[in-house]
């Protein structure tokens, strides 16, 4: 059997949803201090059909290790700073 598809899903506050241009996602294995940081336009985090609501954003967790705990932080920005 193939492993299930898992996503990190988040919903911006309604009062900020139309102003967001960029998300910065940072994550690490909880037991280490090495953060991985991804800064991409909001469109890069659109959810696949059937995964979440239209106002939500997603990050595919398929490359993460099964059974390992991760810590994540998502920051939204209205300034395009790639």
PDB file of N, CA and C in Angstrom:
ATOM      1  N   UNK A   1       0.835  -1.191   0.000  1.00  0.00           N
ATOM      2  CA  UNK A   1       0.000   0.000   0.000  1.00  0.00           C
ATOM      3  C   UNK A   1       0.873   1.245   0.000  1.00  0.00           C
ATOM      4  N   UNK A   2       0.456   2.235  -0.732  1.00  0.00           N
ATOM      5  CA  UNK A   2       1.179   3.505  -0.761  1.00  0.00           C
ATOM      6  C   UNK A   2       0.867   4.293   0.507  1.00  0.00           C
ATOM      7  N   UNK A   3       1.842   5.037   1.016  1.00  0.00           N
ATOM      8  CA  UNK A   3       1.550   5.860   2.199  1.00  0.00           C
ATOM      9  C   UNK A   3       0.533   6.950   1.851  1.00  0.00           C
ATOM     10  N   UNK A   4      -0.266   7.369   2.818  1.00  0.00           N
ATOM     11  CA  UNK A   4      -1.249   8.429   2.552  1.00  0.00           C
ATOM     12  C   UNK A   4      -0.546   9.749   2.267  1.00  0.00           C
ATOM     13  N   UNK A   5      -1.209  10.600   1.512  1.00  0.00           N
ATOM     14  CA  UNK A   5      -0.661  11.934   1.263  1.00  0.00           C
ATOM     15  C   UNK A   5      -1.019  12.814   2.447  1.00  0.00           C
ATOM     16  N   UNK A   6      -0.030  13.536   2.943  1.00  0.00           N
ATOM     17  CA  UNK A   6      -0.240  14.417   4.090  1.00  0.00           C
ATOM     18  C   UNK A   6       0.186  15.829   3.721  1.00  0.00           C
ATOM     19  N   UNK A   7      -0.530  16.797   4.272  1.00  0.00           N
ATOM     20  CA  UNK A   7      -0.244  18.199   3.997  1.00  0.00           C
ATOM     21  C   UNK A   7      -0.279  18.994   5.292  1.00  0.00           C
ATOM     22  N   UNK A   8       0.579  19.987   5.373  1.00  0.00           N
ATOM     23  CA  UNK A   8       0.461  21.020   6.389  1.00  0.00           C
ATOM     24  C   UNK A   8      -0.524  22.021   5.802  1.00  0.00           C
ATOM     25  N   UNK A   9      -1.600  22.318   6.516  1.00  0.00           N
ATOM     26  CA  UNK A   9      -2.648  23.212   6.012  1.00  0.00           C
ATOM     27  C   UNK A   9      -2.813  24.369   6.982  1.00  0.00           C
ATOM     28  N   UNK A  10      -2.916  25.587   6.436  1.00  0.00           N
ATOM     29  CA  UNK A  10      -3.157  26.751   7.288  1.00  0.00           C
ATOM     30  C   UNK A  10      -4.135  27.690   6.603  1.00  0.00           C
ATOM     31  N   UNK A  11      -4.827  28.480   7.430  1.00  0.00           N
ATOM     32  CA  UNK A  11      -5.836  29.426   6.963  1.00  0.00           C
ATOM     33  C   UNK A  11      -5.458  30.823   7.433  1.00  0.00           C
ATOM     34  N   UNK A  12      -5.225  31.756   6.508  1.00  0.00           N
ATOM     35  CA  UNK A  12      -4.941  33.134   6.920  1.00  0.00           C
ATOM     36  C   UNK A  12      -6.172  33.764   7.579  1.00  0.00           C
ATOM     37  N   UNK A  13      -5.932  34.734   8.438  1.00  0.00           N
ATOM     38  CA  UNK A  13      -7.046  35.485   9.014  1.00  0.00           C
ATOM     39  C   UNK A  13      -7.804  36.181   7.888  1.00  0.00           C
ATOM     40  N   UNK A  14      -9.136  36.170   7.929  1.00  0.00           N
ATOM     41  CA  UNK A  14      -9.927  36.755   6.840  1.00  0.00           C
ATOM     42  C   UNK A  14      -9.559  38.208   6.531  1.00  0.00           C
ATOM     43  N   UNK A  15      -9.230  38.985   7.547  1.00  0.00           N
ATOM     44  CA  UNK A  15      -8.914  40.398   7.311  1.00  0.00           C
ATOM     45  C   UNK A  15      -7.578  40.606   6.600  1.00  0.00           C
ATOM     46  N   UNK A  16      -6.753  39.563   6.499  1.00  0.00           N
ATOM     47  CA  UNK A  16      -5.459  39.677   5.817  1.00  0.00           C
ATOM     48  C   UNK A  16      -5.388  38.854   4.532  1.00  0.00           C
ATOM     49  N   UNK A  17      -6.356  38.005   4.301  1.00  0.00           N
ATOM     50  CA  UNK A  17      -6.289  37.024   3.214  1.00  0.00           C
ATOM     51  C   UNK A  17      -6.032  37.648   1.843  1.00  0.00           C
ATOM     52  N   UNK A  18      -6.628  38.785   1.545  1.00  0.00           N
ATOM     53  CA  UNK A  18      -6.480  39.395   0.219  1.00  0.00           C
ATOM     54  C   UNK A  18      -5.183  40.172   0.051  1.00  0.00           C
ATOM     55  N   UNK A  19      -4.431  40.369   1.121  1.00  0.00           N
ATOM     56  CA  UNK A  19      -3.199  41.154   1.057  1.00  0.00           C
ATOM     57  C   UNK A  19      -1.937  40.303   1.006  1.00  0.00           C
ATOM     58  N   UNK A  20      -2.060  39.003   1.173  1.00  0.00           N
ATOM     59  CA  UNK A  20      -0.884  38.136   1.273  1.00  0.00           C
ATOM     60  C   UNK A  20      -0.301  37.862  -0.108  1.00  0.00           C
ATOM     61  N   UNK A  21       0.989  38.119  -0.243  1.00  0.00           N
ATOM     62  CA  UNK A  21       1.701  37.828  -1.480  1.00  0.00           C
ATOM     63  C   UNK A  21       2.708  36.699  -1.311  1.00  0.00           C
ATOM     64  N   UNK A  22       3.274  36.570  -0.112  1.00  0.00           N
ATOM     65  CA  UNK A  22       4.373  35.636   0.134  1.00  0.00           C
ATOM     66  C   UNK A  22       4.150  34.903   1.451  1.00  0.00           C
ATOM     67  N   UNK A  23       4.513  33.622   1.474  1.00  0.00           N
ATOM     68  CA  UNK A  23       4.586  32.868   2.722  1.00  0.00           C
ATOM     69  C   UNK A  23       6.022  32.438   2.942  1.00  0.00           C
ATOM     70  N   UNK A  24       6.457  32.506   4.185  1.00  0.00           N
ATOM     71  CA  UNK A  24       7.737  31.931   4.572  1.00  0.00           C
ATOM     72  C   UNK A  24       7.435  30.770   5.507  1.00  0.00           C
ATOM     73  N   UNK A  25       7.764  29.578   5.065  1.00  0.00           N
ATOM     74  CA  UNK A  25       7.561  28.370   5.853  1.00  0.00           C
ATOM     75  C   UNK A  25       8.916  27.921   6.367  1.00  0.00           C
ATOM     76  N   UNK A  26       9.023  27.739   7.655  1.00  0.00           N
ATOM     77  CA  UNK A  26      10.243  27.216   8.267  1.00  0.00           C
ATOM     78  C   UNK A  26       9.878  25.928   8.986  1.00  0.00           C
ATOM     79  N   UNK A  27      10.734  24.916   8.863  1.00  0.00           N
ATOM     80  CA  UNK A  27      10.478  23.666   9.572  1.00  0.00           C
ATOM     81  C   UNK A  27      11.795  23.002   9.943  1.00  0.00           C
ATOM     82  N   UNK A  28      11.718  22.129  10.936  1.00  0.00           N
ATOM     83  CA  UNK A  28      12.885  21.360  11.374  1.00  0.00           C
ATOM     84  C   UNK A  28      12.410  20.110  12.079  1.00  0.00           C
ATOM     85  N   UNK A  29      13.287  19.120  12.138  1.00  0.00           N
ATOM     86  CA  UNK A  29      13.009  17.977  12.995  1.00  0.00           C
ATOM     87  C   UNK A  29      13.064  18.501  14.417  1.00  0.00           C
ATOM     88  N   UNK A  30      12.090  18.164  15.223  1.00  0.00           N
ATOM     89  CA  UNK A  30      11.974  18.734  16.566  1.00  0.00           C
ATOM     90  C   UNK A  30      13.211  18.501  17.417  1.00  0.00           C
ATOM     91  N   UNK A  31      13.940  17.421  17.180  1.00  0.00           N
ATOM     92  CA  UNK A  31      15.105  17.090  18.002  1.00  0.00           C
ATOM     93  C   UNK A  31      16.386  17.797  17.547  1.00  0.00           C
ATOM     94  N   UNK A  32      16.346  18.551  16.439  1.00  0.00           N
ATOM     95  CA  UNK A  32      17.546  19.227  15.948  1.00  0.00           C
ATOM     96  C   UNK A  32      17.346  20.731  15.947  1.00  0.00           C
ATOM     97  N   UNK A  33      18.405  21.465  15.701  1.00  0.00           N
ATOM     98  CA  UNK A  33      18.314  22.919  15.658  1.00  0.00           C
ATOM     99  C   UNK A  33      18.433  23.485  14.265  1.00  0.00           C
ATOM    100  N   UNK A  34      18.453  22.643  13.236  1.00  0.00           N
ATOM    101  CA  UNK A  34      18.659  23.095  11.866  1.00  0.00           C
ATOM    102  C   UNK A  34      17.330  23.353  11.164  1.00  0.00           C
ATOM    103  N   UNK A  35      17.034  24.625  10.914  1.00  0.00           N
ATOM    104  CA  UNK A  35      15.784  25.002  10.263  1.00  0.00           C
ATOM    105  C   UNK A  35      15.959  25.002   8.749  1.00  0.00           C
ATOM    106  N   UNK A  36      14.940  24.565   8.032  1.00  0.00           N
ATOM    107  CA  UNK A  36      14.850  24.714   6.586  1.00  0.00           C
ATOM    108  C   UNK A  36      13.827  25.811   6.346  1.00  0.00           C
ATOM    109  N   UNK A  37      14.176  26.783   5.496  1.00  0.00           N
ATOM    110  CA  UNK A  37      13.288  27.929   5.263  1.00  0.00           C
ATOM    111  C   UNK A  37      12.927  27.985   3.774  1.00  0.00           C
ATOM    112  N   UNK A  38      11.649  28.103   3.497  1.00  0.00           N
ATOM    113  CA  UNK A  38      11.140  28.203   2.131  1.00  0.00           C
ATOM    114  C   UNK A  38      10.342  29.499   2.036  1.00  0.00           C
ATOM    115  N   UNK A  39      10.716  30.375   1.108  1.00  0.00           N
ATOM    116  CA  UNK A  39       9.981  31.619   0.875  1.00  0.00           C
ATOM    117  C   UNK A  39       9.497  31.594  -0.565  1.00  0.00           C
ATOM    118  N   UNK A  40       8.180  31.576  -0.729  1.00  0.00           N
ATOM    119  CA  UNK A  40       7.579  31.438  -2.061  1.00  0.00           C
ATOM    120  C   UNK A  40       6.324  32.307  -2.155  1.00  0.00           C
ATOM    121  N   UNK A  41       5.923  32.659  -3.392  1.00  0.00           N
ATOM    122  CA  UNK A  41       4.645  33.350  -3.573  1.00  0.00           C
ATOM    123  C   UNK A  41       3.498  32.492  -3.041  1.00  0.00           C
ATOM    124  N   UNK A  42       2.453  33.134  -2.592  1.00  0.00           N
ATOM    125  CA  UNK A  42       1.312  32.425  -2.006  1.00  0.00           C
ATOM    126  C   UNK A  42       0.749  31.360  -2.951  1.00  0.00           C
ATOM    127  N   UNK A  43       0.760  31.613  -4.261  1.00  0.00           N
ATOM    128  CA  UNK A  43       0.223  30.648  -5.225  1.00  0.00           C
ATOM    129  C   UNK A  43       0.957  29.309  -5.168  1.00  0.00           C
ATOM    130  N   UNK A  44       2.205  29.312  -4.735  1.00  0.00           N
ATOM    131  CA  UNK A  44       2.985  28.068  -4.644  1.00  0.00           C
ATOM    132  C   UNK A  44       2.440  27.132  -3.575  1.00  0.00           C
ATOM    133  N   UNK A  45       1.626  27.657  -2.674  1.00  0.00           N
ATOM    134  CA  UNK A  45       1.096  26.872  -1.562  1.00  0.00           C
ATOM    135  C   UNK A  45      -0.391  26.558  -1.723  1.00  0.00           C
ATOM    136  N   UNK A  46      -0.923  26.689  -2.941  1.00  0.00           N
ATOM    137  CA  UNK A  46      -2.332  26.361  -3.159  1.00  0.00           C
ATOM    138  C   UNK A  46      -2.555  24.875  -2.906  1.00  0.00           C
ATOM    139  N   UNK A  47      -3.674  24.556  -2.294  1.00  0.00           N
ATOM    140  CA  UNK A  47      -3.989  23.167  -1.940  1.00  0.00           C
ATOM    141  C   UNK A  47      -4.533  22.402  -3.143  1.00  0.00           C
ATOM    142  N   UNK A  48      -4.196  21.113  -3.245  1.00  0.00           N
ATOM    143  CA  UNK A  48      -4.815  20.281  -4.283  1.00  0.00           C
ATOM    144  C   UNK A  48      -6.323  20.168  -4.033  1.00  0.00           C
ATOM    145  N   UNK A  49      -7.064  19.927  -5.078  1.00  0.00           N
ATOM    146  CA  UNK A  49      -8.518  19.766  -4.946  1.00  0.00           C
ATOM    147  C   UNK A  49      -8.847  18.679  -3.939  1.00  0.00           C
ATOM    148  N   UNK A  50      -9.819  18.963  -3.080  1.00  0.00           N
ATOM    149  CA  UNK A  50     -10.296  17.981  -2.127  1.00  0.00           C
ATOM    150  C   UNK A  50      -9.497  17.874  -0.844  1.00  0.00           C
ATOM    151  N   UNK A  51      -8.421  18.645  -0.715  1.00  0.00           N
ATOM    152  CA  UNK A  51      -7.588  18.561   0.491  1.00  0.00           C
ATOM    153  C   UNK A  51      -8.069  19.521   1.570  1.00  0.00           C
ATOM    154  N   UNK A  52      -8.441  20.735   1.187  1.00  0.00           N
ATOM    155  CA  UNK A  52      -8.823  21.758   2.164  1.00  0.00           C
ATOM    156  C   UNK A  52      -9.813  22.721   1.517  1.00  0.00           C
ATOM    157  N   UNK A  53     -10.214  23.728   2.269  1.00  0.00           N
ATOM    158  CA  UNK A  53     -11.131  24.742   1.762  1.00  0.00           C
ATOM    159  C   UNK A  53     -10.400  25.704   0.827  1.00  0.00           C
ATOM    160  N   UNK A  54     -11.158  26.452   0.031  1.00  0.00           N
ATOM    161  CA  UNK A  54     -10.576  27.368  -0.953  1.00  0.00           C
ATOM    162  C   UNK A  54      -9.680  28.438  -0.340  1.00  0.00           C
ATOM    163  N   UNK A  55      -9.979  28.863   0.878  1.00  0.00           N
ATOM    164  CA  UNK A  55      -9.189  29.936   1.500  1.00  0.00           C
ATOM    165  C   UNK A  55      -7.923  29.418   2.190  1.00  0.00           C
ATOM    166  N   UNK A  56      -7.730  28.110   2.193  1.00  0.00           N
ATOM    167  CA  UNK A  56      -6.574  27.501   2.856  1.00  0.00           C
ATOM    168  C   UNK A  56      -5.366  27.402   1.928  1.00  0.00           C
ATOM    169  N   UNK A  57      -4.211  27.218   2.542  1.00  0.00           N
ATOM    170  CA  UNK A  57      -2.959  26.992   1.829  1.00  0.00           C
ATOM    171  C   UNK A  57      -2.342  25.705   2.353  1.00  0.00           C
ATOM    172  N   UNK A  58      -1.520  25.050   1.522  1.00  0.00           N
ATOM    173  CA  UNK A  58      -0.975  23.735   1.867  1.00  0.00           C
ATOM    174  C   UNK A  58       0.505  23.621   1.520  1.00  0.00           C
ATOM    175  N   UNK A  59       1.166  22.728   2.247  1.00  0.00           N
ATOM    176  CA  UNK A  59       2.531  22.318   1.921  1.00  0.00           C
ATOM    177  C   UNK A  59       2.563  20.799   1.956  1.00  0.00           C
ATOM    178  N   UNK A  60       3.022  20.195   0.873  1.00  0.00           N
ATOM    179  CA  UNK A  60       3.073  18.736   0.738  1.00  0.00           C
ATOM    180  C   UNK A  60       4.150  18.174   1.656  1.00  0.00           C
ATOM    181  N   UNK A  61       3.780  17.236   2.508  1.00  0.00           N
ATOM    182  CA  UNK A  61       4.709  16.651   3.476  1.00  0.00           C
ATOM    183  C   UNK A  61       5.292  15.318   3.012  1.00  0.00           C
ATOM    184  N   UNK A  62       5.145  14.972   1.739  1.00  0.00           N
ATOM    185  CA  UNK A  62       5.574  13.652   1.268  1.00  0.00           C
ATOM    186  C   UNK A  62       7.076  13.413   1.396  1.00  0.00           C
ATOM    187  N   UNK A  63       7.886  14.461   1.406  1.00  0.00           N
ATOM    188  CA  UNK A  63       9.336  14.259   1.531  1.00  0.00           C
ATOM    189  C   UNK A  63       9.797  14.173   2.990  1.00  0.00           C
ATOM    190  N   UNK A  64       8.872  14.318   3.921  1.00  0.00           N
ATOM    191  CA  UNK A  64       9.212  14.236   5.338  1.00  0.00           C
ATOM    192  C   UNK A  64       9.315  12.776   5.766  1.00  0.00           C
ATOM    193  N   UNK A  65      10.090  12.503   6.788  1.00  0.00           N
ATOM    194  CA  UNK A  65      10.271  11.138   7.293  1.00  0.00           C
ATOM    195  C   UNK A  65       9.064  10.717   8.130  1.00  0.00           C
ATOM    196  N   UNK A  66       8.589   9.507   7.895  1.00  0.00           N
ATOM    197  CA  UNK A  66       7.463   8.968   8.646  1.00  0.00           C
ATOM    198  C   UNK A  66       7.895   8.681  10.082  1.00  0.00           C
ATOM    199  N   UNK A  67       7.062   9.037  11.045  1.00  0.00           N
ATOM    200  CA  UNK A  67       7.336   8.748  12.448  1.00  0.00           C
ATOM    201  C   UNK A  67       8.275   9.724  13.125  1.00  0.00           C
ATOM    202  N   UNK A  68       8.646  10.802  12.445  1.00  0.00           N
ATOM    203  CA  UNK A  68       9.537  11.814  13.013  1.00  0.00           C
ATOM    204  C   UNK A  68       8.715  13.062  13.299  1.00  0.00           C
ATOM    205  N   UNK A  69       8.907  13.654  14.469  1.00  0.00           N
ATOM    206  CA  UNK A  69       8.170  14.863  14.831  1.00  0.00           C
ATOM    207  C   UNK A  69       8.883  16.088  14.270  1.00  0.00           C
ATOM    208  N   UNK A  70       8.106  16.987  13.661  1.00  0.00           N
ATOM    209  CA  UNK A  70       8.633  18.226  13.096  1.00  0.00           C
ATOM    210  C   UNK A  70       7.989  19.420  13.785  1.00  0.00           C
ATOM    211  N   UNK A  71       8.692  20.535  13.751  1.00  0.00           N
ATOM    212  CA  UNK A  71       8.186  21.814  14.227  1.00  0.00           C
ATOM    213  C   UNK A  71       8.124  22.741  13.017  1.00  0.00           C
ATOM    214  N   UNK A  72       7.028  23.501  12.860  1.00  0.00           N
ATOM    215  CA  UNK A  72       6.894  24.384  11.702  1.00  0.00           C
ATOM    216  C   UNK A  72       6.395  25.755  12.131  1.00  0.00           C
ATOM    217  N   UNK A  73       6.721  26.750  11.308  1.00  0.00           N
ATOM    218  CA  UNK A  73       6.299  28.124  11.524  1.00  0.00           C
ATOM    219  C   UNK A  73       5.970  28.707  10.153  1.00  0.00           C
ATOM    220  N   UNK A  74       4.833  29.393  10.023  1.00  0.00           N
ATOM    221  CA  UNK A  74       4.448  30.010   8.761  1.00  0.00           C
ATOM    222  C   UNK A  74       4.250  31.497   9.002  1.00  0.00           C
ATOM    223  N   UNK A  75       4.895  32.318   8.164  1.00  0.00           N
ATOM    224  CA  UNK A  75       4.763  33.773   8.247  1.00  0.00           C
ATOM    225  C   UNK A  75       4.216  34.261   6.910  1.00  0.00           C
ATOM    226  N   UNK A  76       3.190  35.091   6.946  1.00  0.00           N
ATOM    227  CA  UNK A  76       2.614  35.674   5.736  1.00  0.00           C
ATOM    228  C   UNK A  76       3.110  37.102   5.597  1.00  0.00           C
ATOM    229  N   UNK A  77       3.340  37.512   4.348  1.00  0.00           N
ATOM    230  CA  UNK A  77       3.821  38.870   4.110  1.00  0.00           C
ATOM    231  C   UNK A  77       3.088  39.478   2.927  1.00  0.00           C
ATOM    232  N   UNK A  78       2.828  40.760   3.022  1.00  0.00           N
ATOM    233  CA  UNK A  78       2.234  41.474   1.897  1.00  0.00           C
ATOM    234  C   UNK A  78       3.320  42.137   1.060  1.00  0.00           C
ATOM    235  N   UNK A  79       4.570  41.986   1.467  1.00  0.00           N
ATOM    236  CA  UNK A  79       5.698  42.525   0.712  1.00  0.00           C
ATOM    237  C   UNK A  79       6.345  41.393  -0.058  1.00  0.00           C
ATOM    238  N   UNK A  80       6.460  41.545  -1.355  1.00  0.00           N
ATOM    239  CA  UNK A  80       7.066  40.502  -2.174  1.00  0.00           C
ATOM    240  C   UNK A  80       8.573  40.636  -2.057  1.00  0.00           C
ATOM    241  N   UNK A  81       9.179  39.735  -1.294  1.00  0.00           N
ATOM    242  CA  UNK A  81      10.605  39.874  -0.983  1.00  0.00           C
ATOM    243  C   UNK A  81      11.399  38.616  -1.298  1.00  0.00           C
ATOM    244  N   UNK A  82      11.169  38.021  -2.449  1.00  0.00           N
ATOM    245  CA  UNK A  82      11.928  36.823  -2.826  1.00  0.00           C
ATOM    246  C   UNK A  82      13.330  37.184  -3.237  1.00  0.00           C
TER     247      UNK A  82
END
